[in-house]
Amino acid sequence: EASGSIFSRYVMGWYRQAPGKQRELVAL
């Protein structure tokens, strides 16, 4: 859930980071 009035303009994504690994894109 996002605050702010211009949410619709943002590209939204989910990333993940496993132990010892870099953060990676899951989906956007």
PDB file of all heavy atoms in Angstrom:
ATOM      1  N   GLU A   1       0.853  -1.190   0.000  1.00  0.00           N
ATOM      2  CA  GLU A   1       0.000   0.000   0.000  1.00  0.00           C
ATOM      3  C   GLU A   1       0.885   1.234   0.000  1.00  0.00           C
ATOM      4  O   GLU A   1       1.828   1.337   0.799  1.00  0.00           O
ATOM      5  CB  GLU A   1      -0.931   0.019   1.205  1.00  0.00           C
ATOM      6  CG  GLU A   1      -1.913   1.178   1.186  1.00  0.00           C
ATOM      7  CD  GLU A   1      -2.984   1.052   2.253  1.00  0.00           C
ATOM      8  OE1 GLU A   1      -2.972   0.069   3.005  1.00  0.00           O
ATOM      9  OE2 GLU A   1      -3.845   1.952   2.312  1.00  0.00           O
ATOM     10  N   ALA A   2       0.587   2.165  -0.894  1.00  0.00           N
ATOM     11  CA  ALA A   2       1.391   3.364  -1.054  1.00  0.00           C
ATOM     12  C   ALA A   2       0.624   4.600  -0.634  1.00  0.00           C
ATOM     13  O   ALA A   2      -0.584   4.705  -0.846  1.00  0.00           O
ATOM     14  CB  ALA A   2       1.816   3.500  -2.514  1.00  0.00           C
ATOM     15  N   SER A   3       1.350   5.528  -0.033  1.00  0.00           N
ATOM     16  CA  SER A   3       0.774   6.834   0.253  1.00  0.00           C
ATOM     17  C   SER A   3       0.995   7.730  -0.956  1.00  0.00           C
ATOM     18  O   SER A   3       1.769   7.394  -1.853  1.00  0.00           O
ATOM     19  CB  SER A   3       1.447   7.446   1.484  1.00  0.00           C
ATOM     20  OG  SER A   3       2.818   7.684   1.207  1.00  0.00           O
ATOM     21  N   GLY A   4       0.376   8.875  -0.980  1.00  0.00           N
ATOM     22  CA  GLY A   4       0.620   9.811  -2.071  1.00  0.00           C
ATOM     23  C   GLY A   4      -0.519   9.860  -3.064  1.00  0.00           C
ATOM     24  O   GLY A   4      -1.219   8.866  -3.264  1.00  0.00           O
ATOM     25  N   SER A   5      -0.649  10.991  -3.707  1.00  0.00           N
ATOM     26  CA  SER A   5      -1.793  11.219  -4.584  1.00  0.00           C
ATOM     27  C   SER A   5      -1.513  10.932  -6.054  1.00  0.00           C
ATOM     28  O   SER A   5      -2.433  10.988  -6.863  1.00  0.00           O
ATOM     29  CB  SER A   5      -2.267  12.665  -4.442  1.00  0.00           C
ATOM     30  OG  SER A   5      -1.217  13.555  -4.794  1.00  0.00           O
ATOM     31  N   ILE A   6      -0.268  10.620  -6.411  1.00  0.00           N
ATOM     32  CA  ILE A   6       0.039  10.377  -7.818  1.00  0.00           C
ATOM     33  C   ILE A   6       0.524   8.953  -8.020  1.00  0.00           C
ATOM     34  O   ILE A   6       1.353   8.676  -8.875  1.00  0.00           O
ATOM     35  CB  ILE A   6       1.061  11.381  -8.370  1.00  0.00           C
ATOM     36  CG1 ILE A   6       2.356  11.350  -7.526  1.00  0.00           C
ATOM     37  CG2 ILE A   6       0.489  12.771  -8.414  1.00  0.00           C
ATOM     38  CD1 ILE A   6       3.478  12.168  -8.164  1.00  0.00           C
ATOM     39  N   PHE A   7       0.001   8.043  -7.222  1.00  0.00           N
ATOM     40  CA  PHE A   7       0.405   6.636  -7.302  1.00  0.00           C
ATOM     41  C   PHE A   7       0.282   6.109  -8.719  1.00  0.00           C
ATOM     42  O   PHE A   7       1.123   5.342  -9.180  1.00  0.00           O
ATOM     43  CB  PHE A   7      -0.478   5.822  -6.353  1.00  0.00           C
ATOM     44  CG  PHE A   7      -0.321   4.331  -6.486  1.00  0.00           C
ATOM     45  CD1 PHE A   7       0.713   3.677  -5.840  1.00  0.00           C
ATOM     46  CD2 PHE A   7      -1.215   3.578  -7.244  1.00  0.00           C
ATOM     47  CE1 PHE A   7       0.862   2.300  -5.945  1.00  0.00           C
ATOM     48  CE2 PHE A   7      -1.071   2.202  -7.349  1.00  0.00           C
ATOM     49  CZ  PHE A   7      -0.027   1.567  -6.689  1.00  0.00           C
ATOM     50  N   SER A   8      -0.764   6.499  -9.416  1.00  0.00           N
ATOM     51  CA  SER A   8      -1.038   5.933 -10.734  1.00  0.00           C
ATOM     52  C   SER A   8       0.061   6.220 -11.742  1.00  0.00           C
ATOM     53  O   SER A   8       0.167   5.542 -12.762  1.00  0.00           O
ATOM     54  CB  SER A   8      -2.377   6.457 -11.259  1.00  0.00           C
ATOM     55  OG  SER A   8      -2.333   7.861 -11.422  1.00  0.00           O
ATOM     56  N   ARG A   9       0.891   7.208 -11.478  1.00  0.00           N
ATOM     57  CA  ARG A   9       1.948   7.570 -12.418  1.00  0.00           C
ATOM     58  C   ARG A   9       3.221   6.763 -12.226  1.00  0.00           C
ATOM     59  O   ARG A   9       4.098   6.757 -13.086  1.00  0.00           O
ATOM     60  CB  ARG A   9       2.266   9.055 -12.289  1.00  0.00           C
ATOM     61  CG  ARG A   9       1.111   9.960 -12.678  1.00  0.00           C
ATOM     62  CD  ARG A   9       1.424  11.415 -12.396  1.00  0.00           C
ATOM     63  NE  ARG A   9       2.650  11.840 -13.061  1.00  0.00           N
ATOM     64  CZ  ARG A   9       3.236  13.019 -12.833  1.00  0.00           C
ATOM     65  NH1 ARG A   9       2.719  13.867 -11.963  1.00  0.00           N
ATOM     66  NH2 ARG A   9       4.327  13.342 -13.486  1.00  0.00           N
ATOM     67  N   TYR A  10       3.317   6.089 -11.091  1.00  0.00           N
ATOM     68  CA  TYR A  10       4.547   5.377 -10.765  1.00  0.00           C
ATOM     69  C   TYR A  10       4.617   4.005 -11.436  1.00  0.00           C
ATOM     70  O   TYR A  10       3.601   3.323 -11.575  1.00  0.00           O
ATOM     71  CB  TYR A  10       4.679   5.179  -9.254  1.00  0.00           C
ATOM     72  CG  TYR A  10       5.156   6.404  -8.522  1.00  0.00           C
ATOM     73  CD1 TYR A  10       4.286   7.431  -8.193  1.00  0.00           C
ATOM     74  CD2 TYR A  10       6.493   6.530  -8.161  1.00  0.00           C
ATOM     75  CE1 TYR A  10       4.719   8.561  -7.535  1.00  0.00           C
ATOM     76  CE2 TYR A  10       6.945   7.659  -7.497  1.00  0.00           C
ATOM     77  CZ  TYR A  10       6.057   8.665  -7.185  1.00  0.00           C
ATOM     78  OH  TYR A  10       6.500   9.776  -6.535  1.00  0.00           O
ATOM     79  N   VAL A  11       5.821   3.626 -11.821  1.00  0.00           N
ATOM     80  CA  VAL A  11       6.093   2.232 -12.130  1.00  0.00           C
ATOM     81  C   VAL A  11       6.257   1.533 -10.785  1.00  0.00           C
ATOM     82  O   VAL A  11       7.059   1.960  -9.950  1.00  0.00           O
ATOM     83  CB  VAL A  11       7.373   2.061 -12.964  1.00  0.00           C
ATOM     84  CG1 VAL A  11       7.685   0.575 -13.156  1.00  0.00           C
ATOM     85  CG2 VAL A  11       7.243   2.763 -14.290  1.00  0.00           C
ATOM     86  N   MET A  12       5.504   0.483 -10.570  1.00  0.00           N
ATOM     87  CA  MET A  12       5.544  -0.241  -9.302  1.00  0.00           C
ATOM     88  C   MET A  12       6.191  -1.603  -9.520  1.00  0.00           C
ATOM     89  O   MET A  12       5.957  -2.265 -10.539  1.00  0.00           O
ATOM     90  CB  MET A  12       4.139  -0.426  -8.736  1.00  0.00           C
ATOM     91  CG  MET A  12       3.419   0.876  -8.447  1.00  0.00           C
ATOM     92  SD  MET A  12       4.273   1.906  -7.244  1.00  0.00           S
ATOM     93  CE  MET A  12       4.306   0.831  -5.812  1.00  0.00           C
ATOM     94  N   GLY A  13       6.994  -2.005  -8.564  1.00  0.00           N
ATOM     95  CA  GLY A  13       7.682  -3.276  -8.711  1.00  0.00           C
ATOM     96  C   GLY A  13       7.834  -4.024  -7.412  1.00  0.00           C
ATOM     97  O   GLY A  13       7.667  -3.455  -6.326  1.00  0.00           O
ATOM     98  N   TRP A  14       8.108  -5.295  -7.554  1.00  0.00           N
ATOM     99  CA  TRP A  14       8.482  -6.151  -6.428  1.00  0.00           C
ATOM    100  C   TRP A  14       9.885  -6.669  -6.697  1.00  0.00           C
ATOM    101  O   TRP A  14      10.168  -7.169  -7.803  1.00  0.00           O
ATOM    102  CB  TRP A  14       7.514  -7.314  -6.271  1.00  0.00           C
ATOM    103  CG  TRP A  14       6.213  -6.926  -5.650  1.00  0.00           C
ATOM    104  CD1 TRP A  14       5.057  -6.601  -6.291  1.00  0.00           C
ATOM    105  CD2 TRP A  14       5.942  -6.826  -4.249  1.00  0.00           C
ATOM    106  NE1 TRP A  14       4.075  -6.294  -5.381  1.00  0.00           N
ATOM    107  CE2 TRP A  14       4.599  -6.426  -4.119  1.00  0.00           C
ATOM    108  CE3 TRP A  14       6.695  -7.027  -3.094  1.00  0.00           C
ATOM    109  CZ2 TRP A  14       3.986  -6.228  -2.884  1.00  0.00           C
ATOM    110  CZ3 TRP A  14       6.089  -6.837  -1.867  1.00  0.00           C
ATOM    111  CH2 TRP A  14       4.756  -6.438  -1.758  1.00  0.00           C
ATOM    112  N   TYR A  15      10.745  -6.532  -5.700  1.00  0.00           N
ATOM    113  CA  TYR A  15      12.098  -7.042  -5.749  1.00  0.00           C
ATOM    114  C   TYR A  15      12.266  -8.010  -4.577  1.00  0.00           C
ATOM    115  O   TYR A  15      11.473  -8.008  -3.636  1.00  0.00           O
ATOM    116  CB  TYR A  15      13.114  -5.908  -5.619  1.00  0.00           C
ATOM    117  CG  TYR A  15      13.199  -5.011  -6.819  1.00  0.00           C
ATOM    118  CD1 TYR A  15      12.168  -4.120  -7.128  1.00  0.00           C
ATOM    119  CD2 TYR A  15      14.316  -5.034  -7.653  1.00  0.00           C
ATOM    120  CE1 TYR A  15      12.239  -3.293  -8.238  1.00  0.00           C
ATOM    121  CE2 TYR A  15      14.403  -4.205  -8.767  1.00  0.00           C
ATOM    122  CZ  TYR A  15      13.365  -3.338  -9.043  1.00  0.00           C
ATOM    123  OH  TYR A  15      13.450  -2.514 -10.144  1.00  0.00           O
ATOM    124  N   ARG A  16      13.316  -8.801  -4.639  1.00  0.00           N
ATOM    125  CA  ARG A  16      13.614  -9.680  -3.510  1.00  0.00           C
ATOM    126  C   ARG A  16      15.115  -9.799  -3.314  1.00  0.00           C
ATOM    127  O   ARG A  16      15.898  -9.618  -4.251  1.00  0.00           O
ATOM    128  CB  ARG A  16      13.000 -11.070  -3.710  1.00  0.00           C
ATOM    129  CG  ARG A  16      13.617 -11.877  -4.846  1.00  0.00           C
ATOM    130  CD  ARG A  16      12.831 -13.168  -5.052  1.00  0.00           C
ATOM    131  NE  ARG A  16      13.414 -13.997  -6.104  1.00  0.00           N
ATOM    132  CZ  ARG A  16      12.851 -15.095  -6.568  1.00  0.00           C
ATOM    133  NH1 ARG A  16      11.672 -15.508  -6.095  1.00  0.00           N
ATOM    134  NH2 ARG A  16      13.452 -15.800  -7.523  1.00  0.00           N
ATOM    135  N   GLN A  17      15.481 -10.089  -2.068  1.00  0.00           N
ATOM    136  CA  GLN A  17      16.894 -10.265  -1.743  1.00  0.00           C
ATOM    137  C   GLN A  17      17.034 -11.463  -0.823  1.00  0.00           C
ATOM    138  O   GLN A  17      16.504 -11.465   0.300  1.00  0.00           O
ATOM    139  CB  GLN A  17      17.464  -9.010  -1.081  1.00  0.00           C
ATOM    140  CG  GLN A  17      18.960  -9.068  -0.872  1.00  0.00           C
ATOM    141  CD  GLN A  17      19.548  -7.714  -0.523  1.00  0.00           C
ATOM    142  OE1 GLN A  17      18.840  -6.789  -0.128  1.00  0.00           O
ATOM    143  NE2 GLN A  17      20.838  -7.584  -0.700  1.00  0.00           N
ATOM    144  N   ALA A  18      17.728 -12.463  -1.315  1.00  0.00           N
ATOM    145  CA  ALA A  18      18.017 -13.650  -0.519  1.00  0.00           C
ATOM    146  C   ALA A  18      19.325 -13.444   0.233  1.00  0.00           C
ATOM    147  O   ALA A  18      20.155 -12.627  -0.183  1.00  0.00           O
ATOM    148  CB  ALA A  18      18.111 -14.873  -1.431  1.00  0.00           C
ATOM    149  N   PRO A  19      19.534 -14.161   1.310  1.00  0.00           N
ATOM    150  CA  PRO A  19      20.776 -14.003   2.081  1.00  0.00           C
ATOM    151  C   PRO A  19      22.003 -14.207   1.210  1.00  0.00           C
ATOM    152  O   PRO A  19      22.094 -15.195   0.464  1.00  0.00           O
ATOM    153  CB  PRO A  19      20.661 -15.101   3.143  1.00  0.00           C
ATOM    154  CG  PRO A  19      19.202 -15.320   3.304  1.00  0.00           C
ATOM    155  CD  PRO A  19      18.618 -15.124   1.939  1.00  0.00           C
ATOM    156  N   GLY A  20      22.923 -13.262   1.289  1.00  0.00           N
ATOM    157  CA  GLY A  20      24.169 -13.360   0.542  1.00  0.00           C
ATOM    158  C   GLY A  20      24.062 -13.045  -0.935  1.00  0.00           C
ATOM    159  O   GLY A  20      25.039 -13.200  -1.671  1.00  0.00           O
ATOM    160  N   LYS A  21      22.875 -12.610  -1.373  1.00  0.00           N
ATOM    161  CA  LYS A  21      22.686 -12.316  -2.787  1.00  0.00           C
ATOM    162  C   LYS A  21      22.254 -10.866  -2.977  1.00  0.00           C
ATOM    163  O   LYS A  21      21.794 -10.207  -2.049  1.00  0.00           O
ATOM    164  CB  LYS A  21      21.649 -13.259  -3.388  1.00  0.00           C
ATOM    165  CG  LYS A  21      22.084 -14.715  -3.419  1.00  0.00           C
ATOM    166  CD  LYS A  21      21.111 -15.569  -4.193  1.00  0.00           C
ATOM    167  CE  LYS A  21      21.589 -17.003  -4.300  1.00  0.00           C
ATOM    168  NZ  LYS A  21      20.644 -17.843  -5.095  1.00  0.00           N
ATOM    169  N   GLN A  22      22.398 -10.388  -4.210  1.00  0.00           N
ATOM    170  CA  GLN A  22      21.972  -9.032  -4.516  1.00  0.00           C
ATOM    171  C   GLN A  22      20.451  -8.973  -4.664  1.00  0.00           C
ATOM    172  O   GLN A  22      19.804  -9.971  -4.992  1.00  0.00           O
ATOM    173  CB  GLN A  22      22.633  -8.566  -5.812  1.00  0.00           C
ATOM    174  CG  GLN A  22      24.121  -8.303  -5.684  1.00  0.00           C
ATOM    175  CD  GLN A  22      24.690  -7.649  -6.936  1.00  0.00           C
ATOM    176  OE1 GLN A  22      24.183  -7.858  -8.034  1.00  0.00           O
ATOM    177  NE2 GLN A  22      25.739  -6.864  -6.776  1.00  0.00           N
ATOM    178  N   ARG A  23      19.937  -7.790  -4.445  1.00  0.00           N
ATOM    179  CA  ARG A  23      18.504  -7.580  -4.653  1.00  0.00           C
ATOM    180  C   ARG A  23      18.206  -7.722  -6.150  1.00  0.00           C
ATOM    181  O   ARG A  23      18.938  -7.206  -6.986  1.00  0.00           O
ATOM    182  CB  ARG A  23      18.093  -6.204  -4.140  1.00  0.00           C
ATOM    183  CG  ARG A  23      16.598  -5.996  -4.031  1.00  0.00           C
ATOM    184  CD  ARG A  23      16.277  -4.675  -3.351  1.00  0.00           C
ATOM    185  NE  ARG A  23      16.768  -4.651  -1.977  1.00  0.00           N
ATOM    186  CZ  ARG A  23      16.488  -3.670  -1.115  1.00  0.00           C
ATOM    187  NH1 ARG A  23      15.698  -2.661  -1.490  1.00  0.00           N
ATOM    188  NH2 ARG A  23      16.976  -3.697   0.104  1.00  0.00           N
ATOM    189  N   GLU A  24      17.114  -8.408  -6.464  1.00  0.00           N
ATOM    190  CA  GLU A  24      16.777  -8.642  -7.852  1.00  0.00           C
ATOM    191  C   GLU A  24      15.310  -8.337  -8.118  1.00  0.00           C
ATOM    192  O   GLU A  24      14.462  -8.471  -7.233  1.00  0.00           O
ATOM    193  CB  GLU A  24      17.070 -10.101  -8.244  1.00  0.00           C
ATOM    194  CG  GLU A  24      16.252 -11.132  -7.471  1.00  0.00           C
ATOM    195  CD  GLU A  24      16.508 -12.558  -7.926  1.00  0.00           C
ATOM    196  OE1 GLU A  24      17.405 -12.789  -8.753  1.00  0.00           O
ATOM    197  OE2 GLU A  24      15.785 -13.456  -7.435  1.00  0.00           O
ATOM    198  N   LEU A  25      15.043  -7.951  -9.358  1.00  0.00           N
ATOM    199  CA  LEU A  25      13.679  -7.685  -9.765  1.00  0.00           C
ATOM    200  C   LEU A  25      12.891  -8.989  -9.828  1.00  0.00           C
ATOM    201  O   LEU A  25      13.364  -9.988 -10.368  1.00  0.00           O
ATOM    202  CB  LEU A  25      13.656  -7.003 -11.130  1.00  0.00           C
ATOM    203  CG  LEU A  25      12.279  -6.801 -11.756  1.00  0.00           C
ATOM    204  CD1 LEU A  25      11.485  -5.760 -10.981  1.00  0.00           C
ATOM    205  CD2 LEU A  25      12.416  -6.406 -13.221  1.00  0.00           C
ATOM    206  N   VAL A  26      11.674  -8.961  -9.309  1.00  0.00           N
ATOM    207  CA  VAL A  26      10.753 -10.086  -9.448  1.00  0.00           C
ATOM    208  C   VAL A  26       9.728  -9.765 -10.534  1.00  0.00           C
ATOM    209  O   VAL A  26       9.533 -10.535 -11.466  1.00  0.00           O
ATOM    210  CB  VAL A  26      10.043 -10.394  -8.113  1.00  0.00           C
ATOM    211  CG1 VAL A  26       9.050 -11.540  -8.297  1.00  0.00           C
ATOM    212  CG2 VAL A  26      11.053 -10.722  -7.017  1.00  0.00           C
ATOM    213  N   ALA A  27       9.093  -8.608 -10.397  1.00  0.00           N
ATOM    214  CA  ALA A  27       8.074  -8.210 -11.372  1.00  0.00           C
ATOM    215  C   ALA A  27       7.835  -6.720 -11.257  1.00  0.00           C
ATOM    216  O   ALA A  27       8.056  -6.130 -10.194  1.00  0.00           O
ATOM    217  CB  ALA A  27       6.769  -8.967 -11.127  1.00  0.00           C
ATOM    218  N   LEU A  28       7.388  -6.115 -12.361  1.00  0.00           N
ATOM    219  CA  LEU A  28       7.005  -4.718 -12.308  1.00  0.00           C
ATOM    220  C   LEU A  28       5.791  -4.486 -13.183  1.00  0.00           C
ATOM    221  O   LEU A  28       5.477  -5.291 -14.073  1.00  0.00           O
ATOM    222  CB  LEU A  28       8.159  -3.805 -12.708  1.00  0.00           C
ATOM    223  CG  LEU A  28       8.751  -3.889 -14.114  1.00  0.00           C
ATOM    224  CD1 LEU A  28       7.917  -3.126 -15.127  1.00  0.00           C
ATOM    225  CD2 LEU A  28      10.168  -3.325 -14.120  1.00  0.00           C
TER     226      LEU A  28
END
